[in-house]
Amino acid sequence: MFRPGRMILAVGPCFRSHRAFLRARQALREEGMRLFAAHSQDEAALWLCEAAPAVVLIHLGLADGSPLAVADFCDYRRPDARVILLGGGGLAADGSLFCHVGNAAAILPAQIEASDLTALIAFHAGARREVA
């Protein structure tokens, strides 16, 4: 089992490329967090059974499985985790996803810059830079 802490789980194609994922992983590591990836609904469910992520980032365009099933399982298994949904577009225009995803913290367009996304993840994970 993974130690609880500031673990971040990204489900689906949350970053534009593997290189962008690695940059985000490094930026979050500098904030004291660990970023992991799950590429399917089943893989995400296994992570959620074994780990207690602070933030779960879910791309609504998840090809292997249902992103809303992952969000629902996260709400059941890890209710304290904050869920950030990516790729809402018109689907989230009325905010109805907040009614369906109990621990949703944000719904963002898929085109968000990686640096903005990592800043939002750090915010929701409660990361604080120590002032020297």
N, C-alpha and C. Protein backbone atom coordinates (compact mmCIF):
# COMPACT_ATOMS: atom_id res chain seq x y z
N MET A 1 0.85 -1.19 0.00
CA MET A 1 0.00 0.00 0.00
C MET A 1 0.89 1.24 0.00
N PHE A 2 0.46 2.27 -0.72
CA PHE A 2 1.20 3.52 -0.79
C PHE A 2 0.96 4.32 0.48
N ARG A 3 1.99 5.04 0.91
CA ARG A 3 1.84 5.93 2.04
C ARG A 3 0.90 7.06 1.68
N PRO A 4 0.01 7.44 2.60
CA PRO A 4 -0.82 8.59 2.32
C PRO A 4 0.05 9.84 2.26
N GLY A 5 -0.41 10.79 1.60
CA GLY A 5 0.35 12.02 1.45
C GLY A 5 -0.18 12.78 0.26
N ARG A 6 0.69 13.49 -0.32
CA ARG A 6 0.25 14.30 -1.44
C ARG A 6 0.56 13.59 -2.75
N MET A 7 -0.18 12.55 -2.99
CA MET A 7 -0.08 11.81 -4.23
C MET A 7 -1.15 12.34 -5.18
N ILE A 8 -0.80 12.45 -6.44
CA ILE A 8 -1.73 12.93 -7.46
C ILE A 8 -1.89 11.81 -8.48
N LEU A 9 -3.12 11.51 -8.87
CA LEU A 9 -3.38 10.49 -9.88
C LEU A 9 -4.02 11.16 -11.09
N ALA A 10 -3.40 11.00 -12.26
CA ALA A 10 -3.94 11.51 -13.51
C ALA A 10 -4.51 10.33 -14.29
N VAL A 11 -5.78 10.41 -14.65
CA VAL A 11 -6.46 9.32 -15.34
C VAL A 11 -6.79 9.75 -16.76
N GLY A 12 -6.23 9.03 -17.73
CA GLY A 12 -6.48 9.35 -19.13
C GLY A 12 -5.48 10.35 -19.67
N PRO A 13 -5.75 10.88 -20.86
CA PRO A 13 -4.81 11.79 -21.53
C PRO A 13 -4.87 13.22 -20.97
N CYS A 14 -4.47 13.38 -19.73
CA CYS A 14 -4.57 14.68 -19.05
C CYS A 14 -3.55 15.70 -19.52
N PHE A 15 -2.46 15.22 -20.10
CA PHE A 15 -1.42 16.11 -20.59
C PHE A 15 -1.26 15.90 -22.08
N ARG A 16 -0.84 16.95 -22.78
CA ARG A 16 -0.77 16.90 -24.25
C ARG A 16 0.24 15.90 -24.78
N SER A 17 1.27 15.62 -23.99
CA SER A 17 2.30 14.68 -24.43
C SER A 17 2.95 14.06 -23.20
N HIS A 18 3.75 13.03 -23.45
CA HIS A 18 4.49 12.41 -22.35
C HIS A 18 5.49 13.40 -21.77
N ARG A 19 6.07 14.22 -22.62
CA ARG A 19 7.03 15.23 -22.16
C ARG A 19 6.34 16.23 -21.22
N ALA A 20 5.12 16.65 -21.56
CA ALA A 20 4.37 17.56 -20.69
C ALA A 20 4.05 16.90 -19.36
N PHE A 21 3.74 15.61 -19.40
CA PHE A 21 3.49 14.85 -18.16
C PHE A 21 4.75 14.85 -17.29
N LEU A 22 5.91 14.60 -17.91
CA LEU A 22 7.16 14.56 -17.14
C LEU A 22 7.50 15.92 -16.54
N ARG A 23 7.23 17.00 -17.29
CA ARG A 23 7.46 18.34 -16.75
C ARG A 23 6.54 18.61 -15.56
N ALA A 24 5.28 18.21 -15.70
CA ALA A 24 4.33 18.38 -14.59
C ALA A 24 4.75 17.55 -13.39
N ARG A 25 5.21 16.33 -13.65
CA ARG A 25 5.68 15.46 -12.56
C ARG A 25 6.83 16.14 -11.80
N GLN A 26 7.77 16.73 -12.55
CA GLN A 26 8.91 17.40 -11.92
C GLN A 26 8.46 18.63 -11.13
N ALA A 27 7.58 19.42 -11.71
CA ALA A 27 7.09 20.62 -11.02
C ALA A 27 6.37 20.24 -9.73
N LEU A 28 5.58 19.19 -9.77
CA LEU A 28 4.86 18.76 -8.57
C LEU A 28 5.81 18.13 -7.55
N ARG A 29 6.83 17.44 -8.03
CA ARG A 29 7.83 16.87 -7.11
C ARG A 29 8.50 17.99 -6.31
N GLU A 30 8.76 19.11 -6.97
CA GLU A 30 9.36 20.25 -6.28
C GLU A 30 8.45 20.82 -5.20
N GLU A 31 7.16 20.56 -5.32
CA GLU A 31 6.18 21.00 -4.31
C GLU A 31 5.93 19.90 -3.27
N GLY A 32 6.66 18.79 -3.37
CA GLY A 32 6.51 17.70 -2.40
C GLY A 32 5.41 16.72 -2.73
N MET A 33 5.04 16.64 -4.01
CA MET A 33 3.98 15.74 -4.44
C MET A 33 4.50 14.73 -5.45
N ARG A 34 3.77 13.62 -5.57
CA ARG A 34 4.13 12.59 -6.53
C ARG A 34 2.97 12.43 -7.51
N LEU A 35 3.29 12.49 -8.81
CA LEU A 35 2.29 12.37 -9.87
C LEU A 35 2.39 11.00 -10.51
N PHE A 36 1.26 10.29 -10.58
CA PHE A 36 1.18 8.97 -11.20
C PHE A 36 0.11 9.01 -12.29
N ALA A 37 0.17 8.06 -13.20
CA ALA A 37 -0.79 8.01 -14.30
C ALA A 37 -1.49 6.67 -14.35
N ALA A 38 -2.78 6.72 -14.66
CA ALA A 38 -3.58 5.53 -14.95
C ALA A 38 -4.17 5.74 -16.34
N HIS A 39 -4.13 4.71 -17.17
CA HIS A 39 -4.56 4.86 -18.55
C HIS A 39 -5.92 4.25 -18.85
N SER A 40 -6.54 3.65 -17.83
CA SER A 40 -7.85 3.02 -18.03
C SER A 40 -8.67 3.11 -16.75
N GLN A 41 -9.95 2.81 -16.87
CA GLN A 41 -10.84 2.79 -15.71
C GLN A 41 -10.37 1.75 -14.71
N ASP A 42 -10.00 0.56 -15.20
CA ASP A 42 -9.58 -0.51 -14.30
C ASP A 42 -8.29 -0.15 -13.56
N GLU A 43 -7.34 0.43 -14.27
CA GLU A 43 -6.08 0.83 -13.65
C GLU A 43 -6.32 1.91 -12.60
N ALA A 44 -7.21 2.85 -12.90
CA ALA A 44 -7.54 3.90 -11.93
C ALA A 44 -8.19 3.31 -10.68
N ALA A 45 -9.09 2.36 -10.87
CA ALA A 45 -9.76 1.72 -9.73
C ALA A 45 -8.75 1.00 -8.84
N LEU A 46 -7.79 0.32 -9.46
CA LEU A 46 -6.75 -0.35 -8.67
C LEU A 46 -5.93 0.64 -7.87
N TRP A 47 -5.55 1.77 -8.50
CA TRP A 47 -4.81 2.82 -7.79
C TRP A 47 -5.63 3.32 -6.60
N LEU A 48 -6.92 3.56 -6.82
CA LEU A 48 -7.76 4.11 -5.75
C LEU A 48 -7.97 3.13 -4.61
N CYS A 49 -7.86 1.84 -4.89
CA CYS A 49 -7.96 0.84 -3.83
C CYS A 49 -6.69 0.79 -2.99
N GLU A 50 -5.56 1.06 -3.60
CA GLU A 50 -4.26 0.92 -2.94
C GLU A 50 -3.70 2.22 -2.40
N ALA A 51 -4.14 3.35 -2.92
CA ALA A 51 -3.53 4.63 -2.56
C ALA A 51 -4.60 5.64 -2.17
N ALA A 52 -4.16 6.67 -1.48
CA ALA A 52 -5.06 7.74 -1.05
C ALA A 52 -4.58 9.05 -1.67
N PRO A 53 -4.90 9.29 -2.93
CA PRO A 53 -4.43 10.52 -3.56
C PRO A 53 -5.13 11.75 -3.00
N ALA A 54 -4.39 12.85 -2.99
CA ALA A 54 -4.97 14.12 -2.57
C ALA A 54 -5.84 14.68 -3.68
N VAL A 55 -5.39 14.48 -4.93
CA VAL A 55 -6.11 14.98 -6.10
C VAL A 55 -6.16 13.88 -7.15
N VAL A 56 -7.32 13.73 -7.78
CA VAL A 56 -7.47 12.82 -8.91
C VAL A 56 -7.90 13.67 -10.09
N LEU A 57 -7.06 13.66 -11.11
CA LEU A 57 -7.28 14.41 -12.34
C LEU A 57 -7.85 13.43 -13.35
N ILE A 58 -9.05 13.68 -13.87
CA ILE A 58 -9.71 12.73 -14.78
C ILE A 58 -10.05 13.44 -16.08
N HIS A 59 -9.56 12.89 -17.18
CA HIS A 59 -9.90 13.44 -18.50
C HIS A 59 -11.22 12.81 -18.94
N LEU A 60 -12.18 13.64 -19.30
CA LEU A 60 -13.49 13.13 -19.70
C LEU A 60 -13.45 12.41 -21.04
N GLY A 61 -12.32 12.48 -21.75
CA GLY A 61 -12.16 11.75 -23.00
C GLY A 61 -11.46 10.42 -22.79
N LEU A 62 -11.51 9.87 -21.60
CA LEU A 62 -10.89 8.58 -21.30
C LEU A 62 -11.42 7.53 -22.27
N ALA A 63 -10.53 6.90 -23.03
CA ALA A 63 -10.93 5.96 -24.07
C ALA A 63 -11.22 4.56 -23.53
N ASP A 64 -10.49 4.15 -22.50
CA ASP A 64 -10.62 2.79 -21.98
C ASP A 64 -11.40 2.82 -20.67
N GLY A 65 -12.71 2.85 -20.79
CA GLY A 65 -13.56 2.90 -19.61
C GLY A 65 -14.33 4.21 -19.54
N SER A 66 -15.04 4.38 -18.44
CA SER A 66 -15.88 5.56 -18.25
C SER A 66 -15.24 6.52 -17.25
N PRO A 67 -15.01 7.76 -17.67
CA PRO A 67 -14.45 8.73 -16.72
C PRO A 67 -15.40 9.01 -15.55
N LEU A 68 -16.69 8.98 -15.80
CA LEU A 68 -17.64 9.23 -14.70
C LEU A 68 -17.70 8.06 -13.74
N ALA A 69 -17.45 6.85 -14.23
CA ALA A 69 -17.37 5.70 -13.33
C ALA A 69 -16.15 5.83 -12.42
N VAL A 70 -15.04 6.32 -12.97
CA VAL A 70 -13.84 6.56 -12.15
C VAL A 70 -14.14 7.61 -11.10
N ALA A 71 -14.79 8.69 -11.50
CA ALA A 71 -15.13 9.76 -10.56
C ALA A 71 -16.07 9.25 -9.46
N ASP A 72 -17.04 8.43 -9.84
CA ASP A 72 -17.98 7.87 -8.87
C ASP A 72 -17.26 6.94 -7.89
N PHE A 73 -16.37 6.10 -8.42
CA PHE A 73 -15.61 5.19 -7.55
C PHE A 73 -14.71 5.99 -6.61
N CYS A 74 -14.12 7.06 -7.12
CA CYS A 74 -13.28 7.91 -6.29
C CYS A 74 -14.11 8.55 -5.17
N ASP A 75 -15.31 8.99 -5.49
CA ASP A 75 -16.18 9.58 -4.48
C ASP A 75 -16.53 8.56 -3.40
N TYR A 76 -16.72 7.31 -3.80
CA TYR A 76 -17.05 6.24 -2.86
C TYR A 76 -15.83 5.81 -2.05
N ARG A 77 -14.72 5.54 -2.73
CA ARG A 77 -13.54 4.96 -2.10
C ARG A 77 -12.65 6.01 -1.41
N ARG A 78 -12.52 7.18 -2.02
CA ARG A 78 -11.65 8.25 -1.51
C ARG A 78 -12.41 9.58 -1.47
N PRO A 79 -13.39 9.71 -0.59
CA PRO A 79 -14.23 10.92 -0.58
C PRO A 79 -13.47 12.19 -0.23
N ASP A 80 -12.30 12.07 0.39
CA ASP A 80 -11.52 13.26 0.73
C ASP A 80 -10.68 13.76 -0.44
N ALA A 81 -10.51 12.94 -1.46
CA ALA A 81 -9.72 13.37 -2.62
C ALA A 81 -10.51 14.39 -3.43
N ARG A 82 -9.81 15.37 -3.91
CA ARG A 82 -10.45 16.36 -4.78
C ARG A 82 -10.32 15.89 -6.22
N VAL A 83 -11.41 15.97 -6.95
CA VAL A 83 -11.43 15.52 -8.34
C VAL A 83 -11.44 16.75 -9.25
N ILE A 84 -10.51 16.75 -10.20
CA ILE A 84 -10.47 17.78 -11.23
C ILE A 84 -10.80 17.10 -12.54
N LEU A 85 -11.84 17.57 -13.21
CA LEU A 85 -12.26 17.00 -14.49
C LEU A 85 -11.75 17.87 -15.63
N LEU A 86 -11.18 17.22 -16.63
CA LEU A 86 -10.65 17.92 -17.80
C LEU A 86 -11.47 17.58 -19.03
N GLY A 87 -11.62 18.54 -19.91
CA GLY A 87 -12.29 18.29 -21.19
C GLY A 87 -13.79 18.41 -21.12
N GLY A 88 -14.28 19.20 -20.20
CA GLY A 88 -15.72 19.36 -20.04
C GLY A 88 -16.40 20.00 -21.23
N GLY A 89 -15.80 21.04 -21.76
CA GLY A 89 -16.39 21.74 -22.90
C GLY A 89 -17.83 22.11 -22.65
N GLY A 90 -18.69 21.85 -23.62
CA GLY A 90 -20.12 22.15 -23.51
C GLY A 90 -20.82 21.30 -22.48
N LEU A 91 -20.25 20.12 -22.19
CA LEU A 91 -20.85 19.22 -21.22
C LEU A 91 -20.94 19.87 -19.84
N ALA A 92 -19.98 20.69 -19.51
CA ALA A 92 -19.93 21.28 -18.18
C ALA A 92 -20.43 22.72 -18.15
N ALA A 93 -20.97 23.19 -19.23
CA ALA A 93 -21.36 24.60 -19.32
C ALA A 93 -22.38 24.99 -18.25
N ASP A 94 -23.27 24.08 -17.91
CA ASP A 94 -24.29 24.41 -16.92
C ASP A 94 -23.90 24.01 -15.50
N GLY A 95 -22.71 23.41 -15.33
CA GLY A 95 -22.26 23.02 -14.00
C GLY A 95 -22.89 21.76 -13.46
N SER A 96 -23.65 21.04 -14.29
CA SER A 96 -24.35 19.85 -13.80
C SER A 96 -23.41 18.72 -13.38
N LEU A 97 -22.19 18.71 -13.89
CA LEU A 97 -21.25 17.67 -13.46
C LEU A 97 -20.96 17.75 -11.97
N PHE A 98 -21.07 18.94 -11.39
CA PHE A 98 -20.86 19.06 -9.95
C PHE A 98 -21.94 18.29 -9.17
N CYS A 99 -23.11 18.11 -9.76
CA CYS A 99 -24.17 17.34 -9.12
C CYS A 99 -23.90 15.84 -9.21
N HIS A 100 -23.18 15.43 -10.25
CA HIS A 100 -22.95 14.01 -10.49
C HIS A 100 -21.64 13.50 -9.91
N VAL A 101 -20.71 14.39 -9.67
CA VAL A 101 -19.41 14.01 -9.12
C VAL A 101 -19.30 14.67 -7.75
N GLY A 102 -19.51 13.88 -6.73
CA GLY A 102 -19.62 14.41 -5.37
C GLY A 102 -18.42 15.18 -4.87
N ASN A 103 -17.21 14.78 -5.26
CA ASN A 103 -16.03 15.48 -4.76
C ASN A 103 -15.32 16.27 -5.86
N ALA A 104 -16.08 16.70 -6.86
CA ALA A 104 -15.51 17.52 -7.93
C ALA A 104 -15.09 18.88 -7.37
N ALA A 105 -13.86 19.26 -7.68
CA ALA A 105 -13.35 20.55 -7.23
C ALA A 105 -13.27 21.55 -8.37
N ALA A 106 -13.11 21.03 -9.61
CA ALA A 106 -13.00 21.92 -10.76
C ALA A 106 -13.30 21.15 -12.04
N ILE A 107 -13.83 21.87 -13.01
CA ILE A 107 -14.05 21.32 -14.35
C ILE A 107 -13.38 22.30 -15.30
N LEU A 108 -12.41 21.78 -16.06
CA LEU A 108 -11.57 22.64 -16.89
C LEU A 108 -11.59 22.20 -18.34
N PRO A 109 -11.31 23.12 -19.26
CA PRO A 109 -11.18 22.73 -20.67
C PRO A 109 -9.90 21.92 -20.85
N ALA A 110 -9.90 21.02 -21.81
CA ALA A 110 -8.73 20.17 -22.07
C ALA A 110 -7.55 20.98 -22.56
N GLN A 111 -7.77 22.17 -23.09
CA GLN A 111 -6.71 22.97 -23.67
C GLN A 111 -5.94 23.80 -22.63
N ILE A 112 -6.16 23.57 -21.37
CA ILE A 112 -5.48 24.35 -20.33
C ILE A 112 -3.97 24.11 -20.42
N GLU A 113 -3.22 25.15 -20.19
CA GLU A 113 -1.76 25.04 -20.20
C GLU A 113 -1.30 24.15 -19.04
N ALA A 114 -0.28 23.36 -19.29
CA ALA A 114 0.21 22.42 -18.28
C ALA A 114 0.67 23.14 -17.01
N SER A 115 1.28 24.32 -17.17
CA SER A 115 1.73 25.07 -15.98
C SER A 115 0.55 25.54 -15.14
N ASP A 116 -0.53 25.95 -15.79
CA ASP A 116 -1.74 26.35 -15.06
C ASP A 116 -2.37 25.14 -14.36
N LEU A 117 -2.37 24.02 -15.05
CA LEU A 117 -2.93 22.80 -14.48
C LEU A 117 -2.14 22.35 -13.26
N THR A 118 -0.81 22.36 -13.34
CA THR A 118 -0.02 21.95 -12.18
C THR A 118 -0.20 22.91 -11.01
N ALA A 119 -0.36 24.20 -11.30
CA ALA A 119 -0.62 25.16 -10.21
C ALA A 119 -1.96 24.87 -9.54
N LEU A 120 -2.96 24.53 -10.33
CA LEU A 120 -4.27 24.21 -9.77
C LEU A 120 -4.21 22.91 -8.96
N ILE A 121 -3.49 21.93 -9.46
CA ILE A 121 -3.31 20.67 -8.73
C ILE A 121 -2.64 20.94 -7.38
N ALA A 122 -1.57 21.72 -7.40
CA ALA A 122 -0.85 22.04 -6.16
C ALA A 122 -1.76 22.77 -5.18
N PHE A 123 -2.57 23.68 -5.69
CA PHE A 123 -3.51 24.40 -4.83
C PHE A 123 -4.48 23.42 -4.15
N HIS A 124 -5.07 22.55 -4.94
CA HIS A 124 -6.06 21.62 -4.38
C HIS A 124 -5.44 20.55 -3.49
N ALA A 125 -4.17 20.26 -3.71
CA ALA A 125 -3.49 19.30 -2.84
C ALA A 125 -3.03 19.94 -1.53
N GLY A 126 -3.18 21.26 -1.45
CA GLY A 126 -2.80 21.96 -0.23
C GLY A 126 -1.32 22.22 -0.15
N ALA A 127 -0.65 22.25 -1.29
CA ALA A 127 0.79 22.47 -1.29
C ALA A 127 1.09 23.91 -0.88
N ARG A 128 2.13 24.03 -0.10
CA ARG A 128 2.58 25.36 0.33
C ARG A 128 4.08 25.43 0.18
N ARG A 129 4.54 26.46 -0.44
CA ARG A 129 5.99 26.69 -0.50
C ARG A 129 6.43 27.28 0.84
N GLU A 130 7.54 26.79 1.33
CA GLU A 130 8.06 27.35 2.57
C GLU A 130 8.81 28.63 2.25
N VAL A 131 8.52 29.66 3.03
CA VAL A 131 9.18 30.94 2.84
C VAL A 131 10.47 30.94 3.66
N ALA A 132 11.58 31.23 2.98
CA ALA A 132 12.88 31.21 3.67
C ALA A 132 13.10 32.48 4.46
